[in-house]
Amino acid sequence: MKKVMQLFFVICLSLFVFTGCATTSGWQKEFANAPEWVSNPSIEGGIGAVGVAEKSRSTHKARTVATLRARAELARMINSDVANLLKDFTETAGIGDDETMNATFLDVSKSTSQAALKGSRQIRMWPAPDGDTYVLVAIEPAKVKEIVKESVESNLKKDNALWQQFRSNKAHEELENEIRKTFEKYKALGK
């Protein structure tokens, strides 16, 4: 009897595993006929990103929104500043079996980006069966090099300007300290 139960358990477990693996999720069904670029927006030698707009009565509006979102993704790929805040709080009340614990965890992220996307253009568009519009936007290889070079040069200039400002502020502080010391010295002599 024990062997029959074990065999029954193994068969049920096997059926559960195989049917679980064979089912297709909603996402997989929706993208079963999607073009390759929707999930893999790569461009030979360049960079590409996909933007999506929800179903709209206006094809022009959907295309414009999807293109804007794809360009925003391109900007994040080129230059992105990320700020993150983590908060973890645990509180206990009571003693022994009457003790209760409350825990809170908060994770907030903010990402901003700014990049000049010279030469970005729509490469492809796909109207999905659910009505959403997908757009592939790319920057050609020659333009990618130019954008990266400009971004690096801009960041170097900003860093250099900040360094010069820091040095200037430091020199002013040192000068003010010397003037204060001299004034204190003369003030002490006058008393």
Protein backbone atom coordinates (compact mmCIF):
# COMPACT_ATOMS: atom_id res chain seq x y z
CA MET A 1 0.00 0.00 0.00
CA LYS A 2 2.86 2.34 0.85
CA LYS A 3 4.51 1.73 -2.55
CA VAL A 4 1.23 2.42 -4.37
CA MET A 5 0.90 5.77 -2.52
CA GLN A 6 4.50 6.67 -3.35
CA LEU A 7 3.96 5.79 -7.01
CA PHE A 8 0.73 7.81 -7.07
CA PHE A 9 2.55 10.78 -5.51
CA VAL A 10 5.40 10.59 -8.08
CA ILE A 11 2.91 10.43 -10.98
CA CYS A 12 0.93 13.41 -9.67
CA LEU A 13 4.09 15.41 -9.10
CA SER A 14 5.33 14.59 -12.61
CA LEU A 15 2.03 15.62 -14.18
CA PHE A 16 2.05 18.85 -12.19
CA VAL A 17 5.61 19.70 -13.28
CA PHE A 18 5.06 18.85 -16.93
CA THR A 19 1.74 20.67 -17.25
CA GLY A 20 3.16 23.65 -15.37
CA CYS A 21 6.06 23.87 -17.80
CA ALA A 22 3.84 23.41 -20.83
CA THR A 23 1.44 26.25 -20.08
CA THR A 24 2.03 29.55 -21.82
CA SER A 25 1.72 32.78 -19.88
CA GLY A 26 -0.31 35.73 -21.17
CA TRP A 27 2.90 37.60 -22.00
CA GLN A 28 4.22 34.67 -24.04
CA LYS A 29 0.93 34.38 -25.94
CA GLU A 30 0.82 38.11 -26.64
CA PHE A 31 4.35 38.17 -28.05
CA ALA A 32 4.27 34.80 -29.82
CA ASN A 33 4.03 36.51 -33.22
CA ALA A 34 5.99 39.65 -32.31
CA PRO A 35 8.98 40.61 -34.42
CA GLU A 36 12.38 39.78 -32.92
CA TRP A 37 13.25 43.48 -32.42
CA VAL A 38 10.41 43.94 -29.90
CA SER A 39 12.26 41.85 -27.31
CA ASN A 40 15.79 42.38 -28.66
CA PRO A 41 16.18 45.95 -29.99
CA SER A 42 19.72 45.62 -31.31
CA ILE A 43 21.10 47.49 -34.29
CA GLU A 44 24.31 46.45 -36.01
CA GLY A 45 26.98 48.84 -34.72
CA GLY A 46 24.42 51.28 -33.28
CA ILE A 47 22.03 51.36 -30.38
CA GLY A 48 18.30 50.82 -30.43
CA ALA A 49 15.41 50.95 -28.00
CA VAL A 50 11.75 50.01 -28.12
CA GLY A 51 8.93 52.24 -26.96
CA VAL A 52 5.34 51.17 -26.53
CA ALA A 53 2.12 53.14 -26.52
CA GLU A 54 -1.16 51.79 -25.25
CA LYS A 55 -4.08 51.29 -27.60
CA SER A 56 -5.30 54.56 -29.06
CA ARG A 57 -7.89 55.62 -31.61
CA SER A 58 -5.19 57.70 -33.31
CA THR A 59 -2.39 55.78 -34.99
CA HIS A 60 -0.39 59.02 -35.23
CA LYS A 61 -0.69 59.65 -31.47
CA ALA A 62 0.28 56.05 -30.63
CA ARG A 63 3.29 56.21 -32.95
CA THR A 64 4.39 59.58 -31.52
CA VAL A 65 4.09 58.37 -27.90
CA ALA A 66 5.90 55.10 -28.62
CA THR A 67 8.69 56.98 -30.44
CA LEU A 68 9.04 59.43 -27.55
CA ARG A 69 9.27 56.56 -25.05
CA ALA A 70 11.87 54.78 -27.18
CA ARG A 71 13.94 57.99 -27.35
CA ALA A 72 13.66 58.35 -23.57
CA GLU A 73 15.04 54.82 -23.24
CA LEU A 74 17.89 55.70 -25.61
CA ALA A 75 18.71 58.75 -23.46
CA ARG A 76 18.78 56.53 -20.35
CA MET A 77 21.15 54.16 -22.14
CA ILE A 78 23.54 57.00 -23.00
CA ASN A 79 23.44 59.09 -19.83
CA SER A 80 21.55 58.31 -16.64
CA ASP A 81 21.70 59.64 -13.10
CA VAL A 82 20.18 57.30 -10.55
CA ALA A 83 19.24 58.13 -6.98
CA ASN A 84 18.15 55.40 -4.59
CA LEU A 85 16.65 55.48 -1.12
CA LEU A 86 16.35 52.43 1.12
CA LYS A 87 14.57 52.47 4.46
CA ASP A 88 14.29 49.47 6.77
CA PHE A 89 12.32 49.67 10.01
CA THR A 90 11.52 46.91 12.48
CA GLU A 91 9.52 47.34 15.67
CA THR A 92 8.60 44.83 18.36
CA ALA A 93 6.05 45.17 21.12
CA GLY A 94 5.13 42.84 23.95
CA ILE A 95 6.99 40.09 25.76
CA GLY A 96 7.37 36.35 25.15
CA ASP A 97 4.45 34.71 23.32
CA ASP A 98 2.63 38.05 23.25
CA GLU A 99 5.41 39.71 21.31
CA THR A 100 4.46 41.10 17.91
CA MET A 101 6.77 42.43 15.28
CA ASN A 102 6.07 44.99 12.59
CA ALA A 103 8.55 45.42 9.76
CA THR A 104 8.59 47.98 6.99
CA PHE A 105 10.93 48.12 4.05
CA LEU A 106 10.88 50.90 1.49
CA ASP A 107 12.90 50.99 -1.71
CA VAL A 108 12.53 54.08 -3.89
CA SER A 109 14.54 54.81 -7.02
CA LYS A 110 14.60 57.83 -9.26
CA SER A 111 16.31 57.95 -12.61
CA THR A 112 16.86 61.06 -14.69
CA SER A 113 18.58 61.31 -18.00
CA GLN A 114 19.60 63.95 -20.45
CA ALA A 115 21.20 63.29 -23.78
CA ALA A 116 21.25 64.92 -27.20
CA LEU A 117 19.93 62.27 -29.54
CA LYS A 118 21.12 63.66 -32.85
CA GLY A 119 20.29 61.30 -35.65
CA SER A 120 17.82 59.09 -33.80
CA ARG A 121 15.03 57.85 -36.02
CA GLN A 122 12.24 55.34 -36.14
CA ILE A 123 13.35 52.11 -37.79
CA ARG A 124 10.28 49.88 -37.40
CA MET A 125 6.73 49.90 -36.05
CA TRP A 126 4.51 46.98 -35.01
CA PRO A 127 0.82 47.19 -34.13
CA ALA A 128 0.31 44.38 -31.61
CA PRO A 129 -2.88 42.29 -31.66
CA ASP A 130 -4.03 43.91 -28.38
CA GLY A 131 -3.88 47.37 -30.01
CA ASP A 132 -0.61 48.57 -28.46
CA THR A 133 1.94 50.12 -30.80
CA TYR A 134 5.63 49.20 -30.62
CA VAL A 135 8.29 51.38 -32.22
CA LEU A 136 12.00 50.69 -32.66
CA VAL A 137 14.14 53.83 -32.59
CA ALA A 138 17.85 53.67 -33.34
CA ILE A 139 20.93 55.79 -33.65
CA GLU A 140 23.22 54.85 -36.51
CA PRO A 141 26.82 53.74 -35.73
CA ALA A 142 28.48 56.97 -36.93
CA LYS A 143 26.15 59.07 -34.77
CA VAL A 144 26.71 56.84 -31.70
CA LYS A 145 30.43 57.63 -31.74
CA GLU A 146 29.70 61.35 -32.07
CA ILE A 147 27.16 61.33 -29.22
CA VAL A 148 29.44 59.38 -26.89
CA LYS A 149 32.36 61.70 -27.67
CA GLU A 150 30.23 64.80 -27.01
CA SER A 151 28.89 63.31 -23.79
CA VAL A 152 32.38 62.49 -22.51
CA GLU A 153 33.71 65.93 -23.47
CA SER A 154 30.72 67.63 -21.81
CA ASN A 155 31.20 65.65 -18.60
CA LEU A 156 34.93 66.45 -18.58
CA LYS A 157 34.18 70.16 -19.01
CA LYS A 158 31.62 70.04 -16.18
CA ASP A 159 34.06 68.18 -13.92
CA ASN A 160 36.84 70.64 -14.76
CA ALA A 161 34.56 73.62 -14.06
CA LEU A 162 33.49 72.12 -10.73
CA TRP A 163 37.13 71.48 -9.80
CA GLN A 164 38.05 75.08 -10.66
CA GLN A 165 35.09 76.35 -8.62
CA PHE A 166 36.14 74.19 -5.67
CA ARG A 167 39.72 75.47 -5.85
CA SER A 168 38.52 79.07 -6.11
CA ASN A 169 36.22 78.67 -3.08
CA LYS A 170 39.05 77.05 -1.13
CA ALA A 171 41.41 79.94 -1.99
CA HIS A 172 38.79 82.50 -0.87
CA GLU A 173 38.31 80.63 2.42
CA GLU A 174 42.06 80.57 3.03
CA LEU A 175 42.29 84.31 2.26
CA GLU A 176 39.40 85.10 4.61
CA ASN A 177 41.04 83.02 7.37
CA GLU A 178 44.33 84.91 6.93
CA ILE A 179 42.54 88.28 7.04
CA ARG A 180 40.64 87.19 10.15
CA LYS A 181 43.88 86.05 11.85
CA THR A 182 45.60 89.34 10.98
CA PHE A 183 42.60 91.35 12.23
CA GLU A 184 42.51 89.33 15.47
CA LYS A 185 46.24 89.90 15.93
CA TYR A 186 45.87 93.71 15.52
CA LYS A 187 42.76 93.69 17.68
CA ALA A 188 44.69 91.89 20.46
CA LEU A 189 47.55 94.43 20.22
CA GLY A 190 45.10 97.33 20.50
CA LYS A 191 43.62 96.14 23.79
